[in-house]
Amino acid sequence: MKTVLLLLVSNIFMTFAWYGHLKFTQTTLWKVILISWGIAFFEYCFQVPANRIGYGQFNGFQLKTIQEVITLVVFMVFSVLYLKEELKWNYIVGFVLLLAAVFFVFKKW
């Protein structure tokens, strides 16, 4: 659970670092890059320990799968609330298909 929580916090920082600047189109690119790097520093402060703690309980493929699911959940919330974009049915279908991938990655065969 600690790994998932750390990855959640990491992805919140990552999403703002990568996409938060989209609302500030008048800000020069070099400033946005520096600010994004600053935010990304905190992403790594949570992401690296999350993977270090989780590795062993999960393998690398499972850690990456967990991160991708968290990334999409965080981004869906971010894009609706922050960017004010519409959550369309086809985005949800794509996400459900990703959940099918989670099943295959975590299933004991």
N, C-alpha and C. Protein backbone atom coordinates (compact mmCIF):
# COMPACT_ATOMS: atom_id res chain seq x y z
N MET A 1 0.82 -1.20 0.00
CA MET A 1 0.00 0.00 0.00
C MET A 1 0.87 1.27 0.00
N LYS A 2 2.00 1.20 0.70
CA LYS A 2 2.90 2.35 0.75
C LYS A 2 3.41 2.70 -0.65
N THR A 3 3.73 1.68 -1.43
CA THR A 3 4.19 1.88 -2.81
C THR A 3 3.14 2.60 -3.63
N VAL A 4 1.91 2.17 -3.52
CA VAL A 4 0.82 2.77 -4.31
C VAL A 4 0.61 4.22 -3.90
N LEU A 5 0.63 4.50 -2.61
CA LEU A 5 0.45 5.88 -2.15
C LEU A 5 1.59 6.79 -2.61
N LEU A 6 2.82 6.30 -2.54
CA LEU A 6 3.96 7.09 -3.02
C LEU A 6 3.87 7.33 -4.52
N LEU A 7 3.44 6.31 -5.26
CA LEU A 7 3.28 6.48 -6.71
C LEU A 7 2.16 7.45 -7.02
N LEU A 8 1.12 7.46 -6.22
CA LEU A 8 0.02 8.40 -6.42
C LEU A 8 0.53 9.84 -6.26
N VAL A 9 1.25 10.11 -5.17
CA VAL A 9 1.79 11.45 -4.95
C VAL A 9 2.77 11.82 -6.07
N SER A 10 3.62 10.88 -6.44
CA SER A 10 4.57 11.10 -7.52
C SER A 10 3.87 11.50 -8.81
N ASN A 11 2.80 10.81 -9.13
CA ASN A 11 2.09 11.08 -10.38
C ASN A 11 1.34 12.40 -10.36
N ILE A 12 0.93 12.84 -9.19
CA ILE A 12 0.31 14.17 -9.11
C ILE A 12 1.34 15.22 -9.47
N PHE A 13 2.54 15.11 -8.89
CA PHE A 13 3.61 16.05 -9.25
C PHE A 13 3.97 15.93 -10.73
N MET A 14 4.07 14.70 -11.23
CA MET A 14 4.44 14.49 -12.63
C MET A 14 3.43 15.14 -13.56
N THR A 15 2.15 14.96 -13.26
CA THR A 15 1.12 15.51 -14.13
C THR A 15 1.19 17.03 -14.17
N PHE A 16 1.41 17.66 -13.03
CA PHE A 16 1.55 19.11 -13.03
C PHE A 16 2.84 19.55 -13.74
N ALA A 17 3.91 18.78 -13.58
CA ALA A 17 5.17 19.13 -14.25
C ALA A 17 5.02 19.03 -15.77
N TRP A 18 4.34 18.00 -16.23
CA TRP A 18 4.24 17.76 -17.67
C TRP A 18 3.12 18.56 -18.34
N TYR A 19 2.01 18.78 -17.63
CA TYR A 19 0.84 19.36 -18.29
C TYR A 19 0.30 20.63 -17.64
N GLY A 20 0.76 20.97 -16.45
CA GLY A 20 0.26 22.15 -15.76
C GLY A 20 0.50 23.45 -16.51
N HIS A 21 1.57 23.49 -17.27
CA HIS A 21 1.93 24.71 -18.01
C HIS A 21 1.01 24.99 -19.19
N LEU A 22 0.17 24.05 -19.56
CA LEU A 22 -0.69 24.24 -20.73
C LEU A 22 -1.67 25.39 -20.57
N LYS A 23 -1.94 25.77 -19.34
CA LYS A 23 -2.82 26.92 -19.09
C LYS A 23 -2.06 28.24 -19.14
N PHE A 24 -0.75 28.18 -19.26
CA PHE A 24 0.08 29.39 -19.24
C PHE A 24 0.82 29.55 -20.57
N THR A 25 0.07 29.65 -21.64
CA THR A 25 0.66 29.71 -22.98
C THR A 25 1.45 31.00 -23.22
N GLN A 26 1.22 32.02 -22.41
CA GLN A 26 1.93 33.29 -22.59
C GLN A 26 3.30 33.28 -21.93
N THR A 27 3.53 32.31 -21.03
CA THR A 27 4.82 32.22 -20.35
C THR A 27 5.85 31.65 -21.32
N THR A 28 7.04 32.21 -21.32
CA THR A 28 8.07 31.75 -22.24
C THR A 28 8.44 30.30 -21.95
N LEU A 29 8.82 29.61 -23.00
CA LEU A 29 9.09 28.18 -22.91
C LEU A 29 10.20 27.86 -21.93
N TRP A 30 11.27 28.65 -21.92
CA TRP A 30 12.39 28.34 -21.03
C TRP A 30 11.97 28.44 -19.56
N LYS A 31 11.08 29.38 -19.23
CA LYS A 31 10.59 29.49 -17.85
C LYS A 31 9.75 28.28 -17.48
N VAL A 32 8.91 27.87 -18.41
CA VAL A 32 8.04 26.72 -18.15
C VAL A 32 8.89 25.46 -17.96
N ILE A 33 9.94 25.32 -18.74
CA ILE A 33 10.83 24.16 -18.61
C ILE A 33 11.48 24.15 -17.23
N LEU A 34 11.99 25.28 -16.78
CA LEU A 34 12.63 25.35 -15.46
C LEU A 34 11.64 25.05 -14.33
N ILE A 35 10.44 25.61 -14.44
CA ILE A 35 9.43 25.35 -13.42
C ILE A 35 9.05 23.87 -13.42
N SER A 36 8.90 23.30 -14.61
CA SER A 36 8.56 21.87 -14.72
C SER A 36 9.65 21.00 -14.12
N TRP A 37 10.89 21.35 -14.35
CA TRP A 37 11.99 20.60 -13.74
C TRP A 37 11.93 20.67 -12.23
N GLY A 38 11.61 21.84 -11.71
CA GLY A 38 11.48 21.99 -10.26
C GLY A 38 10.39 21.12 -9.68
N ILE A 39 9.26 21.06 -10.38
CA ILE A 39 8.16 20.21 -9.93
C ILE A 39 8.55 18.74 -10.06
N ALA A 40 9.22 18.40 -11.16
CA ALA A 40 9.61 17.01 -11.40
C ALA A 40 10.58 16.50 -10.34
N PHE A 41 11.36 17.38 -9.75
CA PHE A 41 12.25 16.97 -8.66
C PHE A 41 11.44 16.27 -7.56
N PHE A 42 10.31 16.87 -7.20
CA PHE A 42 9.48 16.28 -6.15
C PHE A 42 8.82 14.99 -6.61
N GLU A 43 8.52 14.91 -7.90
CA GLU A 43 8.01 13.64 -8.44
C GLU A 43 9.01 12.52 -8.16
N TYR A 44 10.27 12.77 -8.47
CA TYR A 44 11.31 11.75 -8.27
C TYR A 44 11.52 11.43 -6.79
N CYS A 45 11.32 12.42 -5.93
CA CYS A 45 11.47 12.19 -4.48
C CYS A 45 10.45 11.19 -3.96
N PHE A 46 9.34 11.01 -4.67
CA PHE A 46 8.33 10.03 -4.28
C PHE A 46 8.40 8.77 -5.14
N GLN A 47 8.71 8.94 -6.41
CA GLN A 47 8.68 7.81 -7.35
C GLN A 47 9.82 6.83 -7.09
N VAL A 48 11.01 7.32 -6.87
CA VAL A 48 12.16 6.44 -6.66
C VAL A 48 11.98 5.60 -5.39
N PRO A 49 11.61 6.20 -4.24
CA PRO A 49 11.36 5.36 -3.06
C PRO A 49 10.20 4.39 -3.26
N ALA A 50 9.17 4.81 -4.00
CA ALA A 50 8.03 3.92 -4.25
C ALA A 50 8.49 2.65 -4.95
N ASN A 51 9.31 2.81 -5.98
CA ASN A 51 9.79 1.64 -6.71
C ASN A 51 10.78 0.83 -5.89
N ARG A 52 11.61 1.50 -5.12
CA ARG A 52 12.58 0.80 -4.27
C ARG A 52 11.85 -0.05 -3.22
N ILE A 53 10.85 0.56 -2.57
CA ILE A 53 10.07 -0.15 -1.54
C ILE A 53 9.25 -1.28 -2.16
N GLY A 54 8.66 -1.01 -3.31
CA GLY A 54 7.75 -1.98 -3.93
C GLY A 54 8.42 -3.15 -4.62
N TYR A 55 9.68 -2.94 -5.03
CA TYR A 55 10.37 -4.01 -5.76
C TYR A 55 10.68 -5.16 -4.80
N GLY A 56 10.22 -6.31 -5.16
CA GLY A 56 10.32 -7.48 -4.28
C GLY A 56 8.92 -7.96 -3.97
N GLN A 57 8.08 -7.02 -3.54
CA GLN A 57 6.66 -7.34 -3.38
C GLN A 57 6.04 -7.44 -4.78
N PHE A 58 6.48 -6.55 -5.66
CA PHE A 58 6.06 -6.54 -7.06
C PHE A 58 7.30 -6.68 -7.92
N ASN A 59 7.14 -7.23 -9.12
CA ASN A 59 8.28 -7.23 -10.05
C ASN A 59 8.23 -5.94 -10.88
N GLY A 60 9.22 -5.74 -11.71
CA GLY A 60 9.31 -4.52 -12.51
C GLY A 60 8.11 -4.30 -13.41
N PHE A 61 7.64 -5.35 -14.05
CA PHE A 61 6.47 -5.23 -14.92
C PHE A 61 5.24 -4.80 -14.14
N GLN A 62 5.07 -5.37 -12.96
CA GLN A 62 3.92 -5.01 -12.13
C GLN A 62 4.02 -3.58 -11.62
N LEU A 63 5.21 -3.16 -11.21
CA LEU A 63 5.39 -1.78 -10.76
C LEU A 63 5.03 -0.79 -11.87
N LYS A 64 5.50 -1.07 -13.07
CA LYS A 64 5.21 -0.18 -14.20
C LYS A 64 3.72 -0.16 -14.51
N THR A 65 3.07 -1.31 -14.42
CA THR A 65 1.63 -1.38 -14.67
C THR A 65 0.86 -0.58 -13.64
N ILE A 66 1.24 -0.71 -12.36
CA ILE A 66 0.60 0.07 -11.30
C ILE A 66 0.76 1.56 -11.59
N GLN A 67 1.98 1.95 -11.96
CA GLN A 67 2.23 3.37 -12.23
C GLN A 67 1.38 3.88 -13.39
N GLU A 68 1.25 3.09 -14.44
CA GLU A 68 0.49 3.55 -15.60
C GLU A 68 -0.99 3.71 -15.27
N VAL A 69 -1.54 2.81 -14.48
CA VAL A 69 -2.94 2.93 -14.08
C VAL A 69 -3.13 4.18 -13.22
N ILE A 70 -2.23 4.38 -12.26
CA ILE A 70 -2.31 5.58 -11.42
C ILE A 70 -2.16 6.83 -12.28
N THR A 71 -1.24 6.81 -13.22
CA THR A 71 -1.02 7.95 -14.11
C THR A 71 -2.30 8.32 -14.85
N LEU A 72 -2.99 7.33 -15.39
CA LEU A 72 -4.21 7.62 -16.13
C LEU A 72 -5.34 8.11 -15.24
N VAL A 73 -5.45 7.55 -14.04
CA VAL A 73 -6.49 8.02 -13.10
C VAL A 73 -6.21 9.47 -12.72
N VAL A 74 -4.97 9.76 -12.35
CA VAL A 74 -4.61 11.13 -11.98
C VAL A 74 -4.83 12.06 -13.16
N PHE A 75 -4.45 11.64 -14.36
CA PHE A 75 -4.60 12.51 -15.52
C PHE A 75 -6.06 12.75 -15.86
N MET A 76 -6.91 11.73 -15.70
CA MET A 76 -8.34 11.94 -15.97
C MET A 76 -8.90 13.01 -15.04
N VAL A 77 -8.58 12.93 -13.76
CA VAL A 77 -9.05 13.93 -12.80
C VAL A 77 -8.46 15.30 -13.14
N PHE A 78 -7.17 15.35 -13.42
CA PHE A 78 -6.47 16.59 -13.76
C PHE A 78 -7.08 17.25 -15.00
N SER A 79 -7.29 16.45 -16.04
CA SER A 79 -7.78 17.04 -17.30
C SER A 79 -9.20 17.57 -17.16
N VAL A 80 -10.01 16.92 -16.35
CA VAL A 80 -11.39 17.40 -16.15
C VAL A 80 -11.41 18.62 -15.23
N LEU A 81 -10.72 18.54 -14.09
CA LEU A 81 -10.80 19.61 -13.10
C LEU A 81 -9.89 20.80 -13.41
N TYR A 82 -8.68 20.55 -13.88
CA TYR A 82 -7.71 21.63 -14.09
C TYR A 82 -7.76 22.19 -15.52
N LEU A 83 -7.74 21.29 -16.49
CA LEU A 83 -7.75 21.74 -17.89
C LEU A 83 -9.16 21.98 -18.42
N LYS A 84 -10.16 21.55 -17.64
CA LYS A 84 -11.58 21.73 -18.01
C LYS A 84 -11.91 21.03 -19.33
N GLU A 85 -11.35 19.85 -19.52
CA GLU A 85 -11.63 19.07 -20.71
C GLU A 85 -12.72 18.04 -20.41
N GLU A 86 -13.43 17.67 -21.45
CA GLU A 86 -14.52 16.71 -21.31
C GLU A 86 -13.96 15.28 -21.27
N LEU A 87 -14.49 14.47 -20.37
CA LEU A 87 -14.14 13.06 -20.30
C LEU A 87 -15.10 12.31 -21.22
N LYS A 88 -14.62 11.86 -22.35
CA LYS A 88 -15.47 11.23 -23.37
C LYS A 88 -15.53 9.73 -23.17
N TRP A 89 -16.55 9.12 -23.75
CA TRP A 89 -16.77 7.69 -23.58
C TRP A 89 -15.60 6.86 -24.11
N ASN A 90 -14.99 7.29 -25.21
CA ASN A 90 -13.90 6.50 -25.79
C ASN A 90 -12.66 6.53 -24.91
N TYR A 91 -12.47 7.59 -24.13
CA TYR A 91 -11.35 7.62 -23.18
C TYR A 91 -11.58 6.58 -22.08
N ILE A 92 -12.83 6.49 -21.64
CA ILE A 92 -13.17 5.52 -20.60
C ILE A 92 -13.01 4.09 -21.12
N VAL A 93 -13.43 3.85 -22.35
CA VAL A 93 -13.26 2.51 -22.95
C VAL A 93 -11.77 2.17 -23.03
N GLY A 94 -10.95 3.11 -23.43
CA GLY A 94 -9.51 2.88 -23.49
C GLY A 94 -8.95 2.55 -22.12
N PHE A 95 -9.42 3.23 -21.10
CA PHE A 95 -8.97 2.96 -19.74
C PHE A 95 -9.40 1.57 -19.29
N VAL A 96 -10.61 1.17 -19.62
CA VAL A 96 -11.09 -0.17 -19.26
C VAL A 96 -10.22 -1.24 -19.94
N LEU A 97 -9.80 -0.98 -21.16
CA LEU A 97 -8.91 -1.93 -21.85
C LEU A 97 -7.57 -2.02 -21.13
N LEU A 98 -7.10 -0.90 -20.60
CA LEU A 98 -5.86 -0.93 -19.82
C LEU A 98 -6.05 -1.77 -18.56
N LEU A 99 -7.21 -1.70 -17.96
CA LEU A 99 -7.49 -2.53 -16.78
C LEU A 99 -7.45 -4.01 -17.15
N ALA A 100 -7.81 -4.34 -18.37
CA ALA A 100 -7.67 -5.73 -18.83
C ALA A 100 -6.19 -6.12 -18.84
N ALA A 101 -5.33 -5.19 -19.22
CA ALA A 101 -3.89 -5.44 -19.19
C ALA A 101 -3.43 -5.71 -17.77
N VAL A 102 -3.98 -4.98 -16.81
CA VAL A 102 -3.63 -5.19 -15.40
C VAL A 102 -3.96 -6.63 -15.01
N PHE A 103 -5.10 -7.12 -15.43
CA PHE A 103 -5.49 -8.49 -15.14
C PHE A 103 -4.42 -9.47 -15.63
N PHE A 104 -3.99 -9.29 -16.87
CA PHE A 104 -3.01 -10.22 -17.44
C PHE A 104 -1.65 -10.11 -16.78
N VAL A 105 -1.26 -8.91 -16.38
CA VAL A 105 0.04 -8.73 -15.74
C VAL A 105 0.08 -9.35 -14.34
N PHE A 106 -1.02 -9.23 -13.60
CA PHE A 106 -1.02 -9.69 -12.21
C PHE A 106 -1.57 -11.12 -12.03
N LYS A 107 -2.17 -11.69 -13.05
CA LYS A 107 -2.71 -13.06 -12.95
C LYS A 107 -1.57 -14.06 -12.81
N LYS A 108 -1.72 -14.97 -11.86
CA LYS A 108 -0.75 -16.07 -11.69
C LYS A 108 -1.10 -17.16 -12.71
N TRP A 109 -0.24 -17.36 -13.67
CA TRP A 109 -0.51 -18.35 -14.72
C TRP A 109 0.20 -19.63 -14.42
